Amino acid sequence: KNTFADGRVLLNVTFYHMDWEKIQIQTEDPDPLIFATGILNFPDATINGVESNFSWLPVDQLTLSGTLGYNKAELANDAVLWAGTDNETTIPDGTRLPLMPEWKFSLNARWDFDSQLWGAAPFTMATWTYNDDSFNSLGVTSGVVQEPPTVNPSFDILNVRFGLEGESWSAQIFVDNLLNEYA
């Protein structure tokens, strides 16, 4: 964590490593007569990543900020389910964990006008976020329906707003998801 340029720049960076032991996953019994849902212990996973954020005031009225996240989350060992049955399934080590995008980031720009409107300080702001693709599962399904994991595609979201901030009140007009992206 650091602040520099006379407090006009803030930068935070965190690196992490996690050994996740005996991941619990939900799955279905492979016997089509039972079709019961249960929780199983999977082998270990390893998660390595970095998260950072910054804020910068290049001029008094403009604030630029952003975030960056990277995750490498994967199984550390092969997982064999229903060993010795017709439905034996192996999920190999290195398989990405579900619902975890490798990359995520956002950028935000805010302009505070050097004026007053109806006794309040006006501002405008735009925020753009990005999420990388991810998988919906590890590919563990019932013996009846063996479907491979589905890729959740990456997406971008753009939000804009205009606002007024008074001493005892505030108001904003905004449009979320301006580009109508389906996340």
N, C-alpha and C. Protein backbone atom coordinates (compact mmCIF):
# COMPACT_ATOMS: atom_id res chain seq x y z
N LYS A 1 0.85 -1.17 0.00
CA LYS A 1 0.00 0.00 0.00
C LYS A 1 0.90 1.22 0.00
N ASN A 2 0.54 2.17 -0.86
CA ASN A 2 1.41 3.33 -0.96
C ASN A 2 0.63 4.53 -1.47
N THR A 3 0.99 5.69 -0.97
CA THR A 3 0.47 6.97 -1.45
C THR A 3 1.68 7.81 -1.82
N PHE A 4 1.62 8.44 -2.98
CA PHE A 4 2.73 9.30 -3.40
C PHE A 4 2.21 10.45 -4.23
N ALA A 5 3.11 11.26 -4.78
CA ALA A 5 2.78 12.48 -5.53
C ALA A 5 1.94 13.42 -4.67
N ASP A 6 2.42 13.67 -3.46
CA ASP A 6 1.74 14.54 -2.50
C ASP A 6 0.31 14.09 -2.22
N GLY A 7 0.09 12.78 -2.15
CA GLY A 7 -1.22 12.24 -1.83
C GLY A 7 -2.18 12.16 -3.00
N ARG A 8 -1.72 12.49 -4.19
CA ARG A 8 -2.62 12.49 -5.36
C ARG A 8 -2.71 11.12 -6.03
N VAL A 9 -1.83 10.19 -5.64
CA VAL A 9 -1.86 8.83 -6.19
C VAL A 9 -1.87 7.83 -5.04
N LEU A 10 -2.81 6.90 -5.12
CA LEU A 10 -2.90 5.80 -4.16
C LEU A 10 -2.78 4.51 -4.94
N LEU A 11 -1.93 3.60 -4.47
CA LEU A 11 -1.75 2.31 -5.13
C LEU A 11 -1.67 1.22 -4.07
N ASN A 12 -2.54 0.21 -4.22
CA ASN A 12 -2.54 -0.95 -3.33
C ASN A 12 -2.41 -2.20 -4.18
N VAL A 13 -1.53 -3.11 -3.77
CA VAL A 13 -1.34 -4.37 -4.48
C VAL A 13 -1.23 -5.49 -3.44
N THR A 14 -1.96 -6.57 -3.69
CA THR A 14 -1.92 -7.74 -2.81
C THR A 14 -1.68 -8.98 -3.66
N PHE A 15 -0.68 -9.76 -3.29
CA PHE A 15 -0.42 -11.05 -3.92
C PHE A 15 -0.85 -12.13 -2.94
N TYR A 16 -1.39 -13.23 -3.46
CA TYR A 16 -1.80 -14.29 -2.56
C TYR A 16 -1.61 -15.67 -3.16
N HIS A 17 -1.48 -16.62 -2.26
CA HIS A 17 -1.37 -18.04 -2.61
C HIS A 17 -2.22 -18.80 -1.59
N MET A 18 -3.04 -19.72 -2.10
CA MET A 18 -3.90 -20.49 -1.20
C MET A 18 -3.88 -21.95 -1.62
N ASP A 19 -3.62 -22.82 -0.67
CA ASP A 19 -3.78 -24.26 -0.88
C ASP A 19 -5.11 -24.63 -0.24
N TRP A 20 -6.08 -24.99 -1.07
CA TRP A 20 -7.44 -25.28 -0.61
C TRP A 20 -7.57 -26.80 -0.53
N GLU A 21 -7.74 -27.30 0.67
CA GLU A 21 -7.79 -28.74 0.88
C GLU A 21 -9.23 -29.25 0.86
N LYS A 22 -9.42 -30.40 0.22
CA LYS A 22 -10.70 -31.11 0.20
C LYS A 22 -11.87 -30.21 -0.16
N ILE A 23 -11.84 -29.71 -1.39
CA ILE A 23 -12.93 -28.88 -1.91
C ILE A 23 -14.22 -29.68 -1.85
N GLN A 24 -15.28 -29.06 -1.41
CA GLN A 24 -16.58 -29.72 -1.41
C GLN A 24 -17.36 -29.28 -2.64
N ILE A 25 -17.89 -30.25 -3.37
CA ILE A 25 -18.69 -29.96 -4.56
C ILE A 25 -20.03 -30.67 -4.46
N GLN A 26 -21.02 -30.11 -5.10
CA GLN A 26 -22.33 -30.75 -5.17
C GLN A 26 -22.41 -31.56 -6.46
N THR A 27 -22.91 -32.77 -6.37
CA THR A 27 -23.06 -33.62 -7.54
C THR A 27 -24.27 -34.52 -7.36
N GLU A 28 -24.58 -35.29 -8.37
CA GLU A 28 -25.71 -36.21 -8.32
C GLU A 28 -25.20 -37.64 -8.33
N ASP A 29 -25.93 -38.53 -7.69
CA ASP A 29 -25.61 -39.95 -7.69
C ASP A 29 -25.65 -40.45 -9.13
N PRO A 30 -24.64 -41.19 -9.58
CA PRO A 30 -24.61 -41.64 -10.97
C PRO A 30 -25.65 -42.72 -11.29
N ASP A 31 -26.26 -43.32 -10.26
CA ASP A 31 -27.26 -44.36 -10.50
C ASP A 31 -28.57 -43.69 -10.90
N PRO A 32 -29.02 -43.92 -12.15
CA PRO A 32 -30.22 -43.22 -12.63
C PRO A 32 -31.49 -43.58 -11.86
N LEU A 33 -31.47 -44.66 -11.08
CA LEU A 33 -32.65 -45.02 -10.30
C LEU A 33 -32.79 -44.16 -9.06
N ILE A 34 -31.67 -43.68 -8.53
CA ILE A 34 -31.71 -42.89 -7.29
C ILE A 34 -31.78 -41.40 -7.61
N PHE A 35 -30.87 -40.92 -8.41
CA PHE A 35 -30.81 -39.52 -8.84
C PHE A 35 -30.88 -38.55 -7.66
N ALA A 36 -30.05 -38.81 -6.63
CA ALA A 36 -30.03 -37.97 -5.43
C ALA A 36 -28.83 -37.03 -5.49
N THR A 37 -29.01 -35.84 -4.95
CA THR A 37 -27.93 -34.86 -4.89
C THR A 37 -27.15 -35.06 -3.60
N GLY A 38 -25.82 -34.89 -3.69
CA GLY A 38 -24.98 -35.02 -2.51
C GLY A 38 -23.77 -34.13 -2.59
N ILE A 39 -23.03 -34.05 -1.51
CA ILE A 39 -21.80 -33.26 -1.42
C ILE A 39 -20.63 -34.23 -1.33
N LEU A 40 -19.62 -34.01 -2.16
CA LEU A 40 -18.43 -34.85 -2.17
C LEU A 40 -17.20 -34.01 -1.89
N ASN A 41 -16.19 -34.64 -1.30
CA ASN A 41 -14.90 -33.99 -1.14
C ASN A 41 -14.06 -34.26 -2.38
N PHE A 42 -13.55 -33.21 -2.97
CA PHE A 42 -12.65 -33.29 -4.11
C PHE A 42 -11.23 -33.16 -3.61
N PRO A 43 -10.24 -33.45 -4.44
CA PRO A 43 -8.85 -33.21 -4.02
C PRO A 43 -8.58 -31.71 -3.84
N ASP A 44 -7.35 -31.41 -3.58
CA ASP A 44 -6.95 -30.05 -3.29
C ASP A 44 -6.92 -29.18 -4.55
N ALA A 45 -6.97 -27.89 -4.30
CA ALA A 45 -6.82 -26.90 -5.37
C ALA A 45 -5.77 -25.89 -4.93
N THR A 46 -5.22 -25.21 -5.91
CA THR A 46 -4.26 -24.15 -5.65
C THR A 46 -4.78 -22.88 -6.30
N ILE A 47 -4.75 -21.79 -5.55
CA ILE A 47 -5.19 -20.50 -6.07
C ILE A 47 -4.05 -19.51 -5.87
N ASN A 48 -3.59 -18.93 -6.97
CA ASN A 48 -2.58 -17.88 -6.93
C ASN A 48 -3.17 -16.66 -7.60
N GLY A 49 -2.90 -15.50 -7.05
CA GLY A 49 -3.47 -14.33 -7.68
C GLY A 49 -2.88 -13.03 -7.19
N VAL A 50 -3.40 -11.98 -7.79
CA VAL A 50 -3.03 -10.62 -7.42
C VAL A 50 -4.28 -9.75 -7.54
N GLU A 51 -4.43 -8.84 -6.61
CA GLU A 51 -5.48 -7.84 -6.66
C GLU A 51 -4.84 -6.49 -6.42
N SER A 52 -5.29 -5.50 -7.18
CA SER A 52 -4.74 -4.16 -6.99
C SER A 52 -5.82 -3.12 -7.28
N ASN A 53 -5.61 -1.97 -6.72
CA ASN A 53 -6.46 -0.82 -7.03
C ASN A 53 -5.63 0.44 -6.98
N PHE A 54 -6.10 1.44 -7.72
CA PHE A 54 -5.40 2.72 -7.73
C PHE A 54 -6.42 3.85 -7.77
N SER A 55 -5.98 5.01 -7.35
CA SER A 55 -6.74 6.24 -7.47
C SER A 55 -5.76 7.34 -7.78
N TRP A 56 -6.12 8.20 -8.75
CA TRP A 56 -5.20 9.25 -9.19
C TRP A 56 -6.00 10.52 -9.42
N LEU A 57 -5.52 11.62 -8.88
CA LEU A 57 -6.10 12.93 -9.10
C LEU A 57 -5.13 13.74 -9.96
N PRO A 58 -5.22 13.63 -11.31
CA PRO A 58 -4.29 14.38 -12.16
C PRO A 58 -4.52 15.89 -12.07
N VAL A 59 -5.78 16.30 -11.89
CA VAL A 59 -6.14 17.69 -11.62
C VAL A 59 -7.22 17.66 -10.54
N ASP A 60 -7.46 18.79 -9.90
CA ASP A 60 -8.39 18.81 -8.77
C ASP A 60 -9.79 18.29 -9.10
N GLN A 61 -10.26 18.47 -10.30
CA GLN A 61 -11.62 18.10 -10.64
C GLN A 61 -11.76 16.67 -11.17
N LEU A 62 -10.67 16.03 -11.55
CA LEU A 62 -10.74 14.71 -12.17
C LEU A 62 -10.15 13.65 -11.26
N THR A 63 -10.93 12.60 -11.02
CA THR A 63 -10.45 11.44 -10.28
C THR A 63 -10.52 10.23 -11.19
N LEU A 64 -9.39 9.57 -11.39
CA LEU A 64 -9.32 8.33 -12.15
C LEU A 64 -9.01 7.20 -11.17
N SER A 65 -9.72 6.10 -11.27
CA SER A 65 -9.47 4.98 -10.38
C SER A 65 -9.72 3.68 -11.12
N GLY A 66 -9.22 2.61 -10.55
CA GLY A 66 -9.40 1.32 -11.20
C GLY A 66 -9.00 0.17 -10.31
N THR A 67 -9.37 -1.01 -10.75
CA THR A 67 -9.03 -2.24 -10.06
C THR A 67 -8.50 -3.25 -11.08
N LEU A 68 -7.72 -4.20 -10.60
CA LEU A 68 -7.22 -5.28 -11.43
C LEU A 68 -7.14 -6.52 -10.56
N GLY A 69 -7.66 -7.63 -11.09
CA GLY A 69 -7.59 -8.89 -10.37
C GLY A 69 -7.21 -10.02 -11.31
N TYR A 70 -6.31 -10.87 -10.86
CA TYR A 70 -5.92 -12.06 -11.62
C TYR A 70 -5.97 -13.26 -10.68
N ASN A 71 -6.64 -14.34 -11.11
CA ASN A 71 -6.72 -15.57 -10.33
C ASN A 71 -6.34 -16.75 -11.20
N LYS A 72 -5.42 -17.53 -10.74
CA LYS A 72 -5.15 -18.83 -11.36
C LYS A 72 -5.61 -19.85 -10.33
N ALA A 73 -6.82 -20.36 -10.53
CA ALA A 73 -7.45 -21.27 -9.57
C ALA A 73 -7.70 -22.60 -10.27
N GLU A 74 -7.02 -23.66 -9.81
CA GLU A 74 -7.13 -24.94 -10.50
C GLU A 74 -6.95 -26.11 -9.53
N LEU A 75 -7.44 -27.28 -9.97
CA LEU A 75 -7.23 -28.48 -9.18
C LEU A 75 -5.75 -28.80 -9.11
N ALA A 76 -5.28 -29.21 -7.94
CA ALA A 76 -3.87 -29.53 -7.76
C ALA A 76 -3.58 -31.01 -8.04
N ASN A 77 -4.63 -31.85 -8.06
CA ASN A 77 -4.47 -33.29 -8.30
C ASN A 77 -5.64 -33.80 -9.13
N ASP A 78 -5.45 -34.97 -9.75
CA ASP A 78 -6.57 -35.61 -10.44
C ASP A 78 -7.65 -35.98 -9.42
N ALA A 79 -8.90 -35.93 -9.86
CA ALA A 79 -10.02 -36.37 -9.03
C ALA A 79 -10.74 -37.49 -9.77
N VAL A 80 -10.93 -38.61 -9.12
CA VAL A 80 -11.65 -39.74 -9.71
C VAL A 80 -12.92 -39.95 -8.90
N LEU A 81 -14.05 -39.84 -9.58
CA LEU A 81 -15.34 -40.03 -8.93
C LEU A 81 -15.96 -41.34 -9.39
N TRP A 82 -16.65 -41.97 -8.50
CA TRP A 82 -17.38 -43.22 -8.78
C TRP A 82 -16.43 -44.27 -9.36
N ALA A 83 -15.26 -44.40 -8.74
CA ALA A 83 -14.24 -45.35 -9.21
C ALA A 83 -14.81 -46.76 -9.26
N GLY A 84 -14.46 -47.47 -10.33
CA GLY A 84 -14.87 -48.86 -10.49
C GLY A 84 -16.30 -49.05 -10.97
N THR A 85 -16.99 -47.97 -11.32
CA THR A 85 -18.35 -48.09 -11.85
C THR A 85 -18.35 -47.74 -13.33
N ASP A 86 -19.49 -47.96 -13.98
CA ASP A 86 -19.61 -47.58 -15.39
C ASP A 86 -19.56 -46.06 -15.57
N ASN A 87 -19.79 -45.33 -14.49
CA ASN A 87 -19.82 -43.86 -14.55
C ASN A 87 -18.54 -43.23 -14.02
N GLU A 88 -17.45 -44.01 -13.91
CA GLU A 88 -16.21 -43.46 -13.40
C GLU A 88 -15.82 -42.22 -14.21
N THR A 89 -15.52 -41.15 -13.49
CA THR A 89 -15.20 -39.86 -14.11
C THR A 89 -13.90 -39.33 -13.52
N THR A 90 -12.99 -38.92 -14.39
CA THR A 90 -11.73 -38.33 -13.93
C THR A 90 -11.71 -36.86 -14.33
N ILE A 91 -11.47 -36.01 -13.37
CA ILE A 91 -11.28 -34.57 -13.61
C ILE A 91 -9.78 -34.33 -13.39
N PRO A 92 -9.03 -33.99 -14.44
CA PRO A 92 -7.56 -33.92 -14.32
C PRO A 92 -7.08 -32.69 -13.54
N ASP A 93 -5.88 -32.86 -12.96
CA ASP A 93 -5.27 -31.71 -12.29
C ASP A 93 -5.07 -30.61 -13.32
N GLY A 94 -5.08 -29.38 -12.87
CA GLY A 94 -4.96 -28.24 -13.77
C GLY A 94 -6.31 -27.74 -14.28
N THR A 95 -7.40 -28.47 -13.99
CA THR A 95 -8.72 -28.01 -14.40
C THR A 95 -9.08 -26.75 -13.64
N ARG A 96 -9.51 -25.72 -14.37
CA ARG A 96 -9.89 -24.45 -13.74
C ARG A 96 -11.10 -24.64 -12.83
N LEU A 97 -11.07 -23.97 -11.70
CA LEU A 97 -12.22 -24.00 -10.80
C LEU A 97 -13.36 -23.21 -11.42
N PRO A 98 -14.59 -23.62 -11.16
CA PRO A 98 -15.74 -22.96 -11.79
C PRO A 98 -16.01 -21.57 -11.21
N LEU A 99 -16.64 -20.76 -12.04
CA LEU A 99 -17.14 -19.43 -11.67
C LEU A 99 -16.04 -18.48 -11.23
N MET A 100 -14.80 -18.74 -11.63
CA MET A 100 -13.68 -17.87 -11.27
C MET A 100 -12.98 -17.40 -12.54
N PRO A 101 -13.27 -16.18 -12.98
CA PRO A 101 -12.55 -15.66 -14.16
C PRO A 101 -11.08 -15.44 -13.82
N GLU A 102 -10.23 -15.63 -14.82
CA GLU A 102 -8.81 -15.37 -14.58
C GLU A 102 -8.56 -13.87 -14.42
N TRP A 103 -9.20 -13.04 -15.24
CA TRP A 103 -8.96 -11.60 -15.21
C TRP A 103 -10.25 -10.85 -14.91
N LYS A 104 -10.14 -9.83 -14.08
CA LYS A 104 -11.23 -8.89 -13.83
C LYS A 104 -10.60 -7.51 -13.67
N PHE A 105 -11.20 -6.50 -14.27
CA PHE A 105 -10.70 -5.15 -14.01
C PHE A 105 -11.80 -4.13 -14.23
N SER A 106 -11.55 -2.95 -13.71
CA SER A 106 -12.50 -1.85 -13.86
C SER A 106 -11.73 -0.54 -13.95
N LEU A 107 -12.34 0.42 -14.63
CA LEU A 107 -11.81 1.78 -14.72
C LEU A 107 -12.95 2.75 -14.43
N ASN A 108 -12.65 3.79 -13.71
CA ASN A 108 -13.65 4.77 -13.33
C ASN A 108 -13.07 6.18 -13.53
N ALA A 109 -13.86 7.05 -14.12
CA ALA A 109 -13.46 8.45 -14.26
C ALA A 109 -14.59 9.32 -13.72
N ARG A 110 -14.25 10.26 -12.84
CA ARG A 110 -15.23 11.17 -12.26
C ARG A 110 -14.74 12.60 -12.43
N TRP A 111 -15.63 13.45 -12.97
CA TRP A 111 -15.33 14.86 -13.13
C TRP A 111 -16.26 15.66 -12.22
N ASP A 112 -15.66 16.42 -11.29
CA ASP A 112 -16.41 17.31 -10.40
C ASP A 112 -16.34 18.71 -10.97
N PHE A 113 -17.48 19.24 -11.41
CA PHE A 113 -17.51 20.57 -12.02
C PHE A 113 -17.18 21.63 -10.99
N ASP A 114 -16.50 22.67 -11.43
CA ASP A 114 -16.10 23.78 -10.56
C ASP A 114 -17.20 24.84 -10.61
N SER A 115 -18.41 24.43 -10.22
CA SER A 115 -19.55 25.35 -10.25
C SER A 115 -20.63 24.81 -9.33
N GLN A 116 -21.72 25.53 -9.23
CA GLN A 116 -22.87 25.13 -8.42
C GLN A 116 -24.10 25.09 -9.32
N LEU A 117 -24.98 24.15 -9.04
CA LEU A 117 -26.26 24.05 -9.73
C LEU A 117 -27.30 23.77 -8.67
N TRP A 118 -28.26 24.70 -8.50
CA TRP A 118 -29.30 24.59 -7.47
C TRP A 118 -28.71 24.37 -6.08
N GLY A 119 -27.59 25.03 -5.82
CA GLY A 119 -26.95 24.94 -4.50
C GLY A 119 -26.20 23.65 -4.26
N ALA A 120 -25.90 22.91 -5.32
CA ALA A 120 -25.20 21.63 -5.17
C ALA A 120 -24.04 21.57 -6.16
N ALA A 121 -23.09 20.70 -5.86
CA ALA A 121 -21.92 20.51 -6.71
C ALA A 121 -22.23 19.41 -7.74
N PRO A 122 -22.22 19.74 -9.03
CA PRO A 122 -22.49 18.72 -10.06
C PRO A 122 -21.25 17.88 -10.38
N PHE A 123 -21.51 16.65 -10.79
CA PHE A 123 -20.43 15.76 -11.23
C PHE A 123 -20.97 14.83 -12.31
N THR A 124 -20.04 14.26 -13.05
CA THR A 124 -20.38 13.20 -14.01
C THR A 124 -19.35 12.09 -13.84
N MET A 125 -19.78 10.85 -14.12
CA MET A 125 -18.90 9.72 -13.87
C MET A 125 -19.22 8.60 -14.87
N ALA A 126 -18.17 7.88 -15.26
CA ALA A 126 -18.33 6.70 -16.11
C ALA A 126 -17.49 5.58 -15.50
N THR A 127 -18.07 4.36 -15.51
CA THR A 127 -17.38 3.19 -14.98
C THR A 127 -17.47 2.06 -15.99
N TRP A 128 -16.33 1.46 -16.29
CA TRP A 128 -16.28 0.32 -17.19
C TRP A 128 -15.69 -0.86 -16.43
N THR A 129 -16.37 -2.01 -16.48
CA THR A 129 -15.87 -3.22 -15.83
C THR A 129 -15.77 -4.34 -16.85
N TYR A 130 -14.81 -5.22 -16.62
CA TYR A 130 -14.59 -6.37 -17.50
C TYR A 130 -14.42 -7.61 -16.63
N ASN A 131 -15.09 -8.70 -17.02
CA ASN A 131 -14.90 -10.01 -16.41
C ASN A 131 -14.51 -10.98 -17.51
N ASP A 132 -13.44 -11.70 -17.30
CA ASP A 132 -12.98 -12.71 -18.24
C ASP A 132 -13.95 -13.90 -18.23
N ASP A 133 -13.78 -14.80 -19.19
CA ASP A 133 -14.66 -15.96 -19.22
C ASP A 133 -14.40 -16.88 -18.03
N SER A 134 -15.37 -17.75 -17.75
CA SER A 134 -15.25 -18.72 -16.66
C SER A 134 -16.06 -19.95 -17.05
N PHE A 135 -15.87 -21.03 -16.30
CA PHE A 135 -16.64 -22.24 -16.53
C PHE A 135 -17.77 -22.33 -15.51
N ASN A 136 -18.86 -22.97 -15.90
CA ASN A 136 -20.00 -23.07 -14.99
C ASN A 136 -19.83 -24.21 -13.99
N SER A 137 -18.95 -25.18 -14.28
CA SER A 137 -18.79 -26.31 -13.37
C SER A 137 -17.45 -27.00 -13.65
N LEU A 138 -17.18 -28.01 -12.83
CA LEU A 138 -16.01 -28.85 -13.06
C LEU A 138 -16.32 -29.98 -14.04
N GLY A 139 -17.57 -30.06 -14.48
CA GLY A 139 -17.96 -31.11 -15.40
C GLY A 139 -18.47 -32.35 -14.71
N VAL A 140 -18.82 -32.22 -13.43
CA VAL A 140 -19.34 -33.35 -12.67
C VAL A 140 -20.85 -33.28 -12.69
N THR A 141 -21.46 -34.23 -13.40
CA THR A 141 -22.92 -34.28 -13.49
C THR A 141 -23.37 -35.71 -13.21
N SER A 142 -24.64 -35.96 -13.34
CA SER A 142 -25.14 -37.31 -13.09
C SER A 142 -24.74 -38.25 -14.20
N GLY A 143 -24.87 -39.55 -13.96
CA GLY A 143 -24.61 -40.54 -14.98
C GLY A 143 -25.62 -40.48 -16.11
N VAL A 144 -26.78 -39.89 -15.85
CA VAL A 144 -27.83 -39.80 -16.86
C VAL A 144 -27.50 -38.69 -17.85
N VAL A 145 -27.01 -37.58 -17.37
CA VAL A 145 -26.75 -36.42 -18.22
C VAL A 145 -25.28 -36.06 -18.10
N GLN A 146 -24.45 -36.54 -18.99
CA GLN A 146 -23.02 -36.21 -18.97
C GLN A 146 -22.78 -35.07 -19.94
N GLU A 147 -22.72 -33.87 -19.44
CA GLU A 147 -22.48 -32.69 -20.27
C GLU A 147 -21.16 -32.05 -19.87
N PRO A 148 -20.38 -31.61 -20.84
CA PRO A 148 -19.13 -30.93 -20.49
C PRO A 148 -19.43 -29.56 -19.87
N PRO A 149 -18.45 -29.00 -19.18
CA PRO A 149 -18.65 -27.66 -18.62
C PRO A 149 -18.96 -26.64 -19.71
N THR A 150 -19.79 -25.70 -19.39
CA THR A 150 -20.15 -24.62 -20.30
C THR A 150 -19.28 -23.41 -19.98
N VAL A 151 -18.81 -22.73 -21.02
CA VAL A 151 -18.02 -21.52 -20.82
C VAL A 151 -18.97 -20.34 -20.70
N ASN A 152 -18.85 -19.63 -19.59
CA ASN A 152 -19.56 -18.36 -19.44
C ASN A 152 -18.67 -17.31 -20.12
N PRO A 153 -19.14 -16.69 -21.21
CA PRO A 153 -18.27 -15.78 -21.96
C PRO A 153 -17.90 -14.53 -21.15
N SER A 154 -16.80 -13.92 -21.55
CA SER A 154 -16.39 -12.66 -20.92
C SER A 154 -17.41 -11.58 -21.24
N PHE A 155 -17.40 -10.51 -20.44
CA PHE A 155 -18.33 -9.42 -20.68
C PHE A 155 -17.77 -8.09 -20.18
N ASP A 156 -18.26 -7.02 -20.80
CA ASP A 156 -17.93 -5.64 -20.41
C ASP A 156 -19.23 -4.93 -20.03
N ILE A 157 -19.17 -4.12 -19.00
CA ILE A 157 -20.33 -3.33 -18.58
C ILE A 157 -19.89 -1.87 -18.49
N LEU A 158 -20.68 -0.96 -19.08
CA LEU A 158 -20.40 0.47 -19.02
C LEU A 158 -21.57 1.17 -18.33
N ASN A 159 -21.28 1.89 -17.25
CA ASN A 159 -22.28 2.65 -16.51
C ASN A 159 -21.90 4.13 -16.55
N VAL A 160 -22.88 5.01 -16.69
CA VAL A 160 -22.64 6.45 -16.66
C VAL A 160 -23.65 7.10 -15.73
N ARG A 161 -23.26 8.24 -15.17
CA ARG A 161 -24.18 8.96 -14.29
C ARG A 161 -23.83 10.44 -14.22
N PHE A 162 -24.83 11.22 -13.92
CA PHE A 162 -24.68 12.64 -13.63
C PHE A 162 -25.35 12.88 -12.30
N GLY A 163 -24.71 13.67 -11.44
CA GLY A 163 -25.28 13.86 -10.12
C GLY A 163 -25.03 15.24 -9.57
N LEU A 164 -25.79 15.52 -8.53
CA LEU A 164 -25.66 16.75 -7.75
C LEU A 164 -25.50 16.36 -6.29
N GLU A 165 -24.54 17.00 -5.61
CA GLU A 165 -24.33 16.72 -4.19
C GLU A 165 -24.40 18.02 -3.41
N GLY A 166 -25.49 18.17 -2.66
CA GLY A 166 -25.67 19.33 -1.79
C GLY A 166 -25.22 19.00 -0.38
N GLU A 167 -25.34 19.97 0.52
CA GLU A 167 -24.92 19.72 1.90
C GLU A 167 -25.81 18.70 2.59
N SER A 168 -27.11 18.75 2.32
CA SER A 168 -28.03 17.82 3.00
C SER A 168 -28.86 16.98 2.03
N TRP A 169 -28.49 16.99 0.75
CA TRP A 169 -29.24 16.20 -0.23
C TRP A 169 -28.35 15.85 -1.41
N SER A 170 -28.77 14.87 -2.17
CA SER A 170 -28.08 14.51 -3.40
C SER A 170 -29.09 13.90 -4.37
N ALA A 171 -28.77 13.98 -5.64
CA ALA A 171 -29.62 13.39 -6.68
C ALA A 171 -28.72 12.92 -7.81
N GLN A 172 -29.12 11.81 -8.46
CA GLN A 172 -28.34 11.27 -9.56
C GLN A 172 -29.26 10.76 -10.65
N ILE A 173 -28.83 10.94 -11.86
CA ILE A 173 -29.45 10.32 -13.03
C ILE A 173 -28.40 9.38 -13.59
N PHE A 174 -28.79 8.13 -13.83
CA PHE A 174 -27.78 7.17 -14.27
C PHE A 174 -28.35 6.20 -15.29
N VAL A 175 -27.43 5.64 -16.05
CA VAL A 175 -27.75 4.54 -16.97
C VAL A 175 -26.75 3.44 -16.68
N ASP A 176 -27.24 2.32 -16.15
CA ASP A 176 -26.40 1.15 -15.94
C ASP A 176 -26.46 0.27 -17.18
N ASN A 177 -25.34 -0.34 -17.50
CA ASN A 177 -25.23 -1.23 -18.65
C ASN A 177 -25.65 -0.51 -19.94
N LEU A 178 -25.01 0.60 -20.19
CA LEU A 178 -25.32 1.46 -21.33
C LEU A 178 -25.28 0.72 -22.68
N LEU A 179 -24.37 -0.24 -22.82
CA LEU A 179 -24.23 -0.97 -24.08
C LEU A 179 -25.10 -2.23 -24.14
N ASN A 180 -25.93 -2.43 -23.11
CA ASN A 180 -26.87 -3.55 -23.06
C ASN A 180 -26.16 -4.90 -23.20
N GLU A 181 -25.06 -5.07 -22.47
CA GLU A 181 -24.30 -6.31 -22.51
C GLU A 181 -24.99 -7.35 -21.64
N TYR A 182 -25.15 -8.55 -22.15
CA TYR A 182 -25.74 -9.64 -21.37
C TYR A 182 -24.62 -10.38 -20.66
N ALA A 183 -24.55 -10.21 -19.35
CA ALA A 183 -23.46 -10.81 -18.57
C ALA A 183 -23.85 -12.19 -18.13
